Amino acid sequence: MAVTLDDDARQYLARFEDVTDVAGQDCLVDERDGEERLIVVVESGRMGDAIGPDGRTVRRFETQVDRSVRLVEDADNPETFVANTLGPAAVYNVTISENDDTVAYVEVAEEDRGVAIGSDGRTIDVARRLADRHFDIDDVQLI
């Protein structure tokens, strides 16, 4: 599925690629309570390169864009992609159900449920937005 990027997202991805030498697949600007952060979907298998030694590479990018950044690794299948969007929570299983709506049901370790939801629901909200953009998944629910 083709992801449509606005001008700001394209500029952030171009700078991300310049700093990290890693292709960004998507970029969302997540704004809440006056705080903007970027969510960058990173080329599959290149997460370590994007982070860099001791996180230096991604921190350099954060400094250049003056925003916090969250990285999500891309995947070829929707189950793995949804699990990646909820990291660092321990995801045991993802089941995609296609009835009236397409819903990803995610089994998460009980102790990581709060991590998967995130502060004020930020993590699960981003997971829902990315799953919709990349795989036409209407909802992500924790079980």
N, C-alpha and C. Protein backbone atom coordinates (compact mmCIF):
# COMPACT_ATOMS: atom_id res chain seq x y z
N MET A 1 0.84 -1.17 0.00
CA MET A 1 0.00 0.00 0.00
C MET A 1 0.89 1.23 0.00
N ALA A 2 0.58 2.19 -0.83
CA ALA A 2 1.36 3.41 -0.93
C ALA A 2 0.95 4.38 0.18
N VAL A 3 1.93 4.92 0.86
CA VAL A 3 1.70 5.88 1.92
C VAL A 3 1.91 7.28 1.34
N THR A 4 0.95 8.15 1.57
CA THR A 4 1.05 9.52 1.08
C THR A 4 1.68 10.39 2.16
N LEU A 5 2.74 11.10 1.78
CA LEU A 5 3.46 11.96 2.72
C LEU A 5 3.22 13.42 2.37
N ASP A 6 3.04 14.24 3.41
CA ASP A 6 2.94 15.67 3.16
C ASP A 6 4.36 16.26 3.05
N ASP A 7 4.45 17.53 2.72
CA ASP A 7 5.76 18.16 2.51
C ASP A 7 6.64 18.09 3.75
N ASP A 8 6.06 18.36 4.94
CA ASP A 8 6.84 18.31 6.18
C ASP A 8 7.42 16.92 6.39
N ALA A 9 6.60 15.90 6.21
CA ALA A 9 7.06 14.52 6.41
C ALA A 9 8.18 14.19 5.44
N ARG A 10 8.06 14.61 4.19
CA ARG A 10 9.12 14.36 3.21
C ARG A 10 10.43 15.04 3.62
N GLN A 11 10.32 16.25 4.12
CA GLN A 11 11.53 16.97 4.56
C GLN A 11 12.17 16.29 5.76
N TYR A 12 11.34 15.86 6.73
CA TYR A 12 11.88 15.14 7.89
C TYR A 12 12.57 13.85 7.45
N LEU A 13 11.94 13.11 6.53
CA LEU A 13 12.54 11.86 6.07
C LEU A 13 13.84 12.11 5.31
N ALA A 14 13.89 13.15 4.52
CA ALA A 14 15.13 13.46 3.80
C ALA A 14 16.26 13.76 4.79
N ARG A 15 15.95 14.54 5.81
CA ARG A 15 16.97 14.85 6.82
C ARG A 15 17.34 13.59 7.60
N PHE A 16 16.34 12.75 7.93
CA PHE A 16 16.60 11.50 8.63
C PHE A 16 17.57 10.63 7.84
N GLU A 17 17.33 10.50 6.55
CA GLU A 17 18.20 9.69 5.70
C GLU A 17 19.60 10.29 5.59
N ASP A 18 19.70 11.62 5.54
CA ASP A 18 21.01 12.28 5.51
C ASP A 18 21.81 11.99 6.77
N VAL A 19 21.14 12.03 7.92
CA VAL A 19 21.83 11.86 9.21
C VAL A 19 22.16 10.40 9.47
N THR A 20 21.24 9.48 9.13
CA THR A 20 21.39 8.08 9.54
C THR A 20 21.88 7.15 8.43
N ASP A 21 21.79 7.56 7.19
CA ASP A 21 22.05 6.69 6.03
C ASP A 21 21.12 5.49 6.00
N VAL A 22 19.91 5.67 6.55
CA VAL A 22 18.89 4.63 6.58
C VAL A 22 17.63 5.20 5.95
N ALA A 23 17.00 4.41 5.08
CA ALA A 23 15.77 4.87 4.43
C ALA A 23 14.61 4.89 5.41
N GLY A 24 13.92 6.00 5.45
CA GLY A 24 12.69 6.11 6.22
C GLY A 24 11.52 5.80 5.31
N GLN A 25 10.59 4.99 5.78
CA GLN A 25 9.44 4.58 4.96
C GLN A 25 8.24 5.48 5.17
N ASP A 26 8.15 6.10 6.34
CA ASP A 26 7.00 6.93 6.68
C ASP A 26 7.40 7.83 7.84
N CYS A 27 6.69 8.93 7.99
CA CYS A 27 6.94 9.85 9.09
C CYS A 27 5.61 10.47 9.50
N LEU A 28 5.29 10.36 10.78
CA LEU A 28 4.10 10.99 11.34
C LEU A 28 4.55 12.06 12.33
N VAL A 29 3.84 13.17 12.34
CA VAL A 29 4.06 14.17 13.37
C VAL A 29 2.95 13.95 14.39
N ASP A 30 3.35 13.59 15.60
CA ASP A 30 2.40 13.31 16.69
C ASP A 30 2.44 14.51 17.63
N GLU A 31 1.35 15.25 17.68
CA GLU A 31 1.31 16.46 18.50
C GLU A 31 0.26 16.31 19.58
N ARG A 32 0.72 16.48 20.82
CA ARG A 32 -0.18 16.44 21.97
C ARG A 32 0.31 17.42 23.02
N ASP A 33 -0.61 18.13 23.59
CA ASP A 33 -0.31 19.07 24.67
C ASP A 33 0.84 20.01 24.31
N GLY A 34 0.86 20.45 23.07
CA GLY A 34 1.89 21.40 22.64
C GLY A 34 3.24 20.78 22.38
N GLU A 35 3.36 19.46 22.54
CA GLU A 35 4.64 18.77 22.30
C GLU A 35 4.54 17.98 21.00
N GLU A 36 5.49 18.22 20.11
CA GLU A 36 5.55 17.48 18.86
C GLU A 36 6.64 16.43 18.95
N ARG A 37 6.33 15.26 18.47
CA ARG A 37 7.36 14.24 18.30
C ARG A 37 7.15 13.61 16.94
N LEU A 38 8.22 13.07 16.42
CA LEU A 38 8.18 12.43 15.11
C LEU A 38 8.21 10.93 15.30
N ILE A 39 7.39 10.24 14.54
CA ILE A 39 7.44 8.78 14.48
C ILE A 39 7.94 8.45 13.08
N VAL A 40 9.09 7.80 13.01
CA VAL A 40 9.70 7.46 11.74
C VAL A 40 9.69 5.94 11.57
N VAL A 41 9.10 5.48 10.48
CA VAL A 41 9.12 4.06 10.15
C VAL A 41 10.40 3.82 9.37
N VAL A 42 11.23 2.93 9.92
CA VAL A 42 12.58 2.66 9.42
C VAL A 42 12.57 1.41 8.56
N GLU A 43 13.36 1.43 7.53
CA GLU A 43 13.54 0.28 6.64
C GLU A 43 13.80 -0.98 7.47
N SER A 44 13.14 -2.05 7.10
CA SER A 44 13.27 -3.32 7.80
C SER A 44 14.72 -3.78 7.86
N GLY A 45 15.15 -4.21 9.05
CA GLY A 45 16.50 -4.70 9.25
C GLY A 45 17.55 -3.63 9.49
N ARG A 46 17.15 -2.36 9.51
CA ARG A 46 18.10 -1.27 9.65
C ARG A 46 17.92 -0.46 10.93
N MET A 47 17.14 -0.97 11.87
CA MET A 47 16.86 -0.25 13.11
C MET A 47 18.14 0.07 13.87
N GLY A 48 19.03 -0.88 14.00
CA GLY A 48 20.28 -0.65 14.73
C GLY A 48 21.11 0.45 14.10
N ASP A 49 21.16 0.49 12.77
CA ASP A 49 21.89 1.54 12.08
C ASP A 49 21.26 2.90 12.33
N ALA A 50 19.94 2.95 12.34
CA ALA A 50 19.23 4.21 12.57
C ALA A 50 19.46 4.72 13.99
N ILE A 51 19.51 3.82 14.95
CA ILE A 51 19.74 4.22 16.34
C ILE A 51 21.20 4.64 16.53
N GLY A 52 22.11 3.84 15.99
CA GLY A 52 23.53 4.14 16.11
C GLY A 52 24.09 3.68 17.44
N PRO A 53 25.43 3.72 17.56
CA PRO A 53 26.08 3.30 18.81
C PRO A 53 25.61 4.16 19.98
N ASP A 54 25.13 3.52 21.02
CA ASP A 54 24.64 4.20 22.22
C ASP A 54 23.55 5.24 21.90
N GLY A 55 22.84 5.08 20.78
CA GLY A 55 21.78 5.99 20.42
C GLY A 55 22.23 7.33 19.85
N ARG A 56 23.51 7.44 19.54
CA ARG A 56 24.05 8.73 19.08
C ARG A 56 23.45 9.20 17.77
N THR A 57 23.21 8.30 16.84
CA THR A 57 22.71 8.71 15.52
C THR A 57 21.31 9.29 15.62
N VAL A 58 20.41 8.61 16.30
CA VAL A 58 19.04 9.12 16.42
C VAL A 58 19.03 10.39 17.28
N ARG A 59 19.88 10.49 18.29
CA ARG A 59 19.95 11.72 19.09
C ARG A 59 20.42 12.90 18.24
N ARG A 60 21.36 12.66 17.33
CA ARG A 60 21.82 13.73 16.44
C ARG A 60 20.67 14.22 15.57
N PHE A 61 19.85 13.28 15.07
CA PHE A 61 18.69 13.66 14.28
C PHE A 61 17.70 14.45 15.14
N GLU A 62 17.45 14.00 16.36
CA GLU A 62 16.54 14.72 17.27
C GLU A 62 17.00 16.15 17.49
N THR A 63 18.30 16.33 17.65
CA THR A 63 18.86 17.67 17.85
C THR A 63 18.62 18.53 16.61
N GLN A 64 18.82 17.97 15.45
CA GLN A 64 18.66 18.75 14.22
C GLN A 64 17.21 19.17 13.97
N VAL A 65 16.27 18.33 14.32
CA VAL A 65 14.86 18.67 14.08
C VAL A 65 14.18 19.27 15.31
N ASP A 66 14.89 19.29 16.43
CA ASP A 66 14.40 19.86 17.68
C ASP A 66 13.07 19.23 18.11
N ARG A 67 13.01 17.91 18.00
CA ARG A 67 11.83 17.14 18.41
C ARG A 67 12.29 15.77 18.90
N SER A 68 11.50 15.19 19.78
CA SER A 68 11.80 13.81 20.15
C SER A 68 11.36 12.92 18.99
N VAL A 69 12.02 11.77 18.88
CA VAL A 69 11.78 10.87 17.76
C VAL A 69 11.56 9.47 18.29
N ARG A 70 10.57 8.79 17.75
CA ARG A 70 10.33 7.38 18.04
C ARG A 70 10.48 6.62 16.73
N LEU A 71 11.25 5.56 16.77
CA LEU A 71 11.49 4.76 15.58
C LEU A 71 10.65 3.48 15.63
N VAL A 72 10.11 3.10 14.47
CA VAL A 72 9.34 1.86 14.33
C VAL A 72 9.91 1.14 13.12
N GLU A 73 10.22 -0.15 13.29
CA GLU A 73 10.76 -0.92 12.17
C GLU A 73 9.65 -1.39 11.25
N ASP A 74 9.83 -1.19 9.96
CA ASP A 74 8.88 -1.63 8.95
C ASP A 74 8.86 -3.16 8.90
N ALA A 75 7.82 -3.73 8.31
CA ALA A 75 7.70 -5.18 8.16
C ALA A 75 6.86 -5.47 6.92
N ASP A 76 7.04 -6.68 6.38
CA ASP A 76 6.32 -7.09 5.19
C ASP A 76 4.90 -7.56 5.47
N ASN A 77 4.65 -8.00 6.70
CA ASN A 77 3.31 -8.50 7.02
C ASN A 77 2.69 -7.67 8.13
N PRO A 78 1.37 -7.60 8.17
CA PRO A 78 0.70 -6.72 9.13
C PRO A 78 0.90 -7.15 10.59
N GLU A 79 1.00 -8.44 10.85
CA GLU A 79 1.16 -8.90 12.23
C GLU A 79 2.47 -8.40 12.83
N THR A 80 3.55 -8.57 12.09
CA THR A 80 4.85 -8.11 12.57
C THR A 80 4.89 -6.60 12.67
N PHE A 81 4.31 -5.92 11.70
CA PHE A 81 4.31 -4.47 11.71
C PHE A 81 3.57 -3.93 12.94
N VAL A 82 2.39 -4.47 13.22
CA VAL A 82 1.63 -4.03 14.40
C VAL A 82 2.44 -4.28 15.67
N ALA A 83 3.06 -5.45 15.78
CA ALA A 83 3.90 -5.74 16.95
C ALA A 83 5.02 -4.71 17.07
N ASN A 84 5.64 -4.35 15.96
CA ASN A 84 6.72 -3.36 15.98
C ASN A 84 6.24 -1.99 16.43
N THR A 85 5.01 -1.62 16.07
CA THR A 85 4.50 -0.30 16.45
C THR A 85 4.29 -0.18 17.95
N LEU A 86 4.13 -1.31 18.63
CA LEU A 86 3.86 -1.28 20.07
C LEU A 86 5.12 -1.48 20.91
N GLY A 87 6.27 -1.64 20.27
CA GLY A 87 7.52 -1.80 21.00
C GLY A 87 7.80 -0.60 21.88
N PRO A 88 8.45 -0.81 22.98
CA PRO A 88 9.16 -2.01 23.42
C PRO A 88 8.32 -3.00 24.23
N ALA A 89 6.99 -2.88 24.16
CA ALA A 89 6.15 -3.84 24.88
C ALA A 89 6.36 -5.25 24.32
N ALA A 90 6.30 -6.24 25.20
CA ALA A 90 6.44 -7.63 24.78
C ALA A 90 5.11 -8.09 24.17
N VAL A 91 5.12 -8.29 22.86
CA VAL A 91 3.92 -8.73 22.14
C VAL A 91 4.07 -10.23 21.88
N TYR A 92 3.08 -11.00 22.34
CA TYR A 92 3.13 -12.45 22.17
C TYR A 92 2.51 -12.90 20.86
N ASN A 93 1.43 -12.23 20.45
CA ASN A 93 0.71 -12.69 19.27
C ASN A 93 -0.13 -11.55 18.72
N VAL A 94 -0.26 -11.51 17.39
CA VAL A 94 -1.15 -10.56 16.72
C VAL A 94 -2.03 -11.37 15.77
N THR A 95 -3.33 -11.19 15.89
CA THR A 95 -4.29 -11.85 15.02
C THR A 95 -5.09 -10.78 14.28
N ILE A 96 -5.15 -10.92 12.97
CA ILE A 96 -5.91 -9.97 12.16
C ILE A 96 -7.27 -10.60 11.85
N SER A 97 -8.34 -9.89 12.20
CA SER A 97 -9.69 -10.36 11.95
C SER A 97 -10.34 -9.44 10.92
N GLU A 98 -10.89 -10.03 9.88
CA GLU A 98 -11.54 -9.26 8.83
C GLU A 98 -13.01 -9.62 8.74
N ASN A 99 -13.81 -8.94 9.56
CA ASN A 99 -15.26 -9.08 9.47
C ASN A 99 -15.78 -7.82 8.80
N ASP A 100 -16.58 -7.03 9.49
CA ASP A 100 -17.02 -5.76 8.93
C ASP A 100 -15.85 -4.79 8.83
N ASP A 101 -15.02 -4.79 9.86
CA ASP A 101 -13.80 -3.97 9.90
C ASP A 101 -12.61 -4.91 10.04
N THR A 102 -11.45 -4.40 9.67
CA THR A 102 -10.23 -5.17 9.86
C THR A 102 -9.61 -4.72 11.19
N VAL A 103 -9.48 -5.67 12.12
CA VAL A 103 -9.01 -5.36 13.46
C VAL A 103 -7.81 -6.25 13.78
N ALA A 104 -6.77 -5.64 14.34
CA ALA A 104 -5.62 -6.40 14.83
C ALA A 104 -5.80 -6.58 16.34
N TYR A 105 -5.92 -7.83 16.76
CA TYR A 105 -6.01 -8.15 18.18
C TYR A 105 -4.61 -8.54 18.65
N VAL A 106 -4.12 -7.84 19.66
CA VAL A 106 -2.74 -7.98 20.08
C VAL A 106 -2.69 -8.52 21.51
N GLU A 107 -1.99 -9.63 21.66
CA GLU A 107 -1.76 -10.21 22.98
C GLU A 107 -0.44 -9.67 23.52
N VAL A 108 -0.54 -8.92 24.62
CA VAL A 108 0.63 -8.25 25.21
C VAL A 108 0.83 -8.78 26.63
N ALA A 109 2.08 -8.88 27.04
CA ALA A 109 2.37 -9.28 28.42
C ALA A 109 1.65 -8.32 29.37
N GLU A 110 1.03 -8.86 30.39
CA GLU A 110 0.25 -8.04 31.33
C GLU A 110 1.09 -6.90 31.90
N GLU A 111 2.33 -7.18 32.23
CA GLU A 111 3.19 -6.13 32.81
C GLU A 111 3.59 -5.06 31.79
N ASP A 112 3.38 -5.33 30.50
CA ASP A 112 3.71 -4.36 29.46
C ASP A 112 2.48 -3.68 28.87
N ARG A 113 1.33 -3.93 29.43
CA ARG A 113 0.10 -3.34 28.92
C ARG A 113 0.17 -1.81 28.92
N GLY A 114 0.68 -1.23 30.00
CA GLY A 114 0.83 0.22 30.09
C GLY A 114 1.79 0.76 29.06
N VAL A 115 2.86 0.01 28.79
CA VAL A 115 3.83 0.42 27.76
C VAL A 115 3.17 0.42 26.39
N ALA A 116 2.36 -0.61 26.10
CA ALA A 116 1.69 -0.72 24.81
C ALA A 116 0.66 0.40 24.62
N ILE A 117 0.03 0.82 25.70
CA ILE A 117 -0.96 1.90 25.62
C ILE A 117 -0.24 3.24 25.54
N GLY A 118 0.78 3.42 26.36
CA GLY A 118 1.54 4.66 26.36
C GLY A 118 0.87 5.75 27.18
N SER A 119 1.60 6.80 27.44
CA SER A 119 1.10 7.93 28.20
C SER A 119 -0.06 8.58 27.44
N ASP A 120 -1.20 8.69 28.10
CA ASP A 120 -2.41 9.25 27.48
C ASP A 120 -2.80 8.52 26.20
N GLY A 121 -2.43 7.24 26.06
CA GLY A 121 -2.81 6.45 24.90
C GLY A 121 -2.02 6.76 23.64
N ARG A 122 -0.88 7.43 23.79
CA ARG A 122 -0.10 7.84 22.62
C ARG A 122 0.41 6.67 21.79
N THR A 123 0.93 5.65 22.43
CA THR A 123 1.53 4.53 21.70
C THR A 123 0.48 3.76 20.91
N ILE A 124 -0.63 3.43 21.54
CA ILE A 124 -1.67 2.67 20.83
C ILE A 124 -2.30 3.53 19.74
N ASP A 125 -2.41 4.83 19.96
CA ASP A 125 -2.95 5.71 18.94
C ASP A 125 -2.04 5.73 17.70
N VAL A 126 -0.74 5.84 17.92
CA VAL A 126 0.21 5.81 16.80
C VAL A 126 0.16 4.45 16.10
N ALA A 127 0.05 3.37 16.87
CA ALA A 127 -0.06 2.03 16.28
C ALA A 127 -1.28 1.95 15.37
N ARG A 128 -2.39 2.51 15.81
CA ARG A 128 -3.61 2.49 15.00
C ARG A 128 -3.43 3.30 13.71
N ARG A 129 -2.84 4.48 13.84
CA ARG A 129 -2.64 5.32 12.66
C ARG A 129 -1.71 4.66 11.65
N LEU A 130 -0.60 4.10 12.14
CA LEU A 130 0.35 3.46 11.23
C LEU A 130 -0.23 2.19 10.61
N ALA A 131 -0.94 1.38 11.40
CA ALA A 131 -1.54 0.16 10.86
C ALA A 131 -2.55 0.49 9.77
N ASP A 132 -3.28 1.57 9.95
CA ASP A 132 -4.23 1.99 8.92
C ASP A 132 -3.50 2.47 7.66
N ARG A 133 -2.45 3.26 7.84
CA ARG A 133 -1.71 3.81 6.70
C ARG A 133 -1.00 2.73 5.89
N HIS A 134 -0.47 1.71 6.57
CA HIS A 134 0.36 0.72 5.89
C HIS A 134 -0.38 -0.55 5.48
N PHE A 135 -1.43 -0.91 6.22
CA PHE A 135 -2.10 -2.19 5.94
C PHE A 135 -3.63 -2.11 5.95
N ASP A 136 -4.20 -0.92 5.93
CA ASP A 136 -5.66 -0.74 5.95
C ASP A 136 -6.32 -1.46 7.12
N ILE A 137 -5.67 -1.44 8.27
CA ILE A 137 -6.24 -2.02 9.48
C ILE A 137 -7.01 -0.92 10.20
N ASP A 138 -8.29 -1.18 10.48
CA ASP A 138 -9.17 -0.15 11.04
C ASP A 138 -8.94 0.11 12.52
N ASP A 139 -8.50 -0.92 13.26
CA ASP A 139 -8.34 -0.76 14.71
C ASP A 139 -7.28 -1.73 15.22
N VAL A 140 -6.66 -1.35 16.32
CA VAL A 140 -5.72 -2.21 17.03
C VAL A 140 -6.23 -2.30 18.45
N GLN A 141 -6.47 -3.52 18.93
CA GLN A 141 -6.99 -3.71 20.28
C GLN A 141 -6.09 -4.69 21.04
N LEU A 142 -5.88 -4.34 22.32
CA LEU A 142 -5.10 -5.21 23.19
C LEU A 142 -6.01 -6.23 23.84
N ILE A 143 -5.53 -7.48 23.91
CA ILE A 143 -6.33 -8.53 24.59
C ILE A 143 -5.49 -9.15 25.67
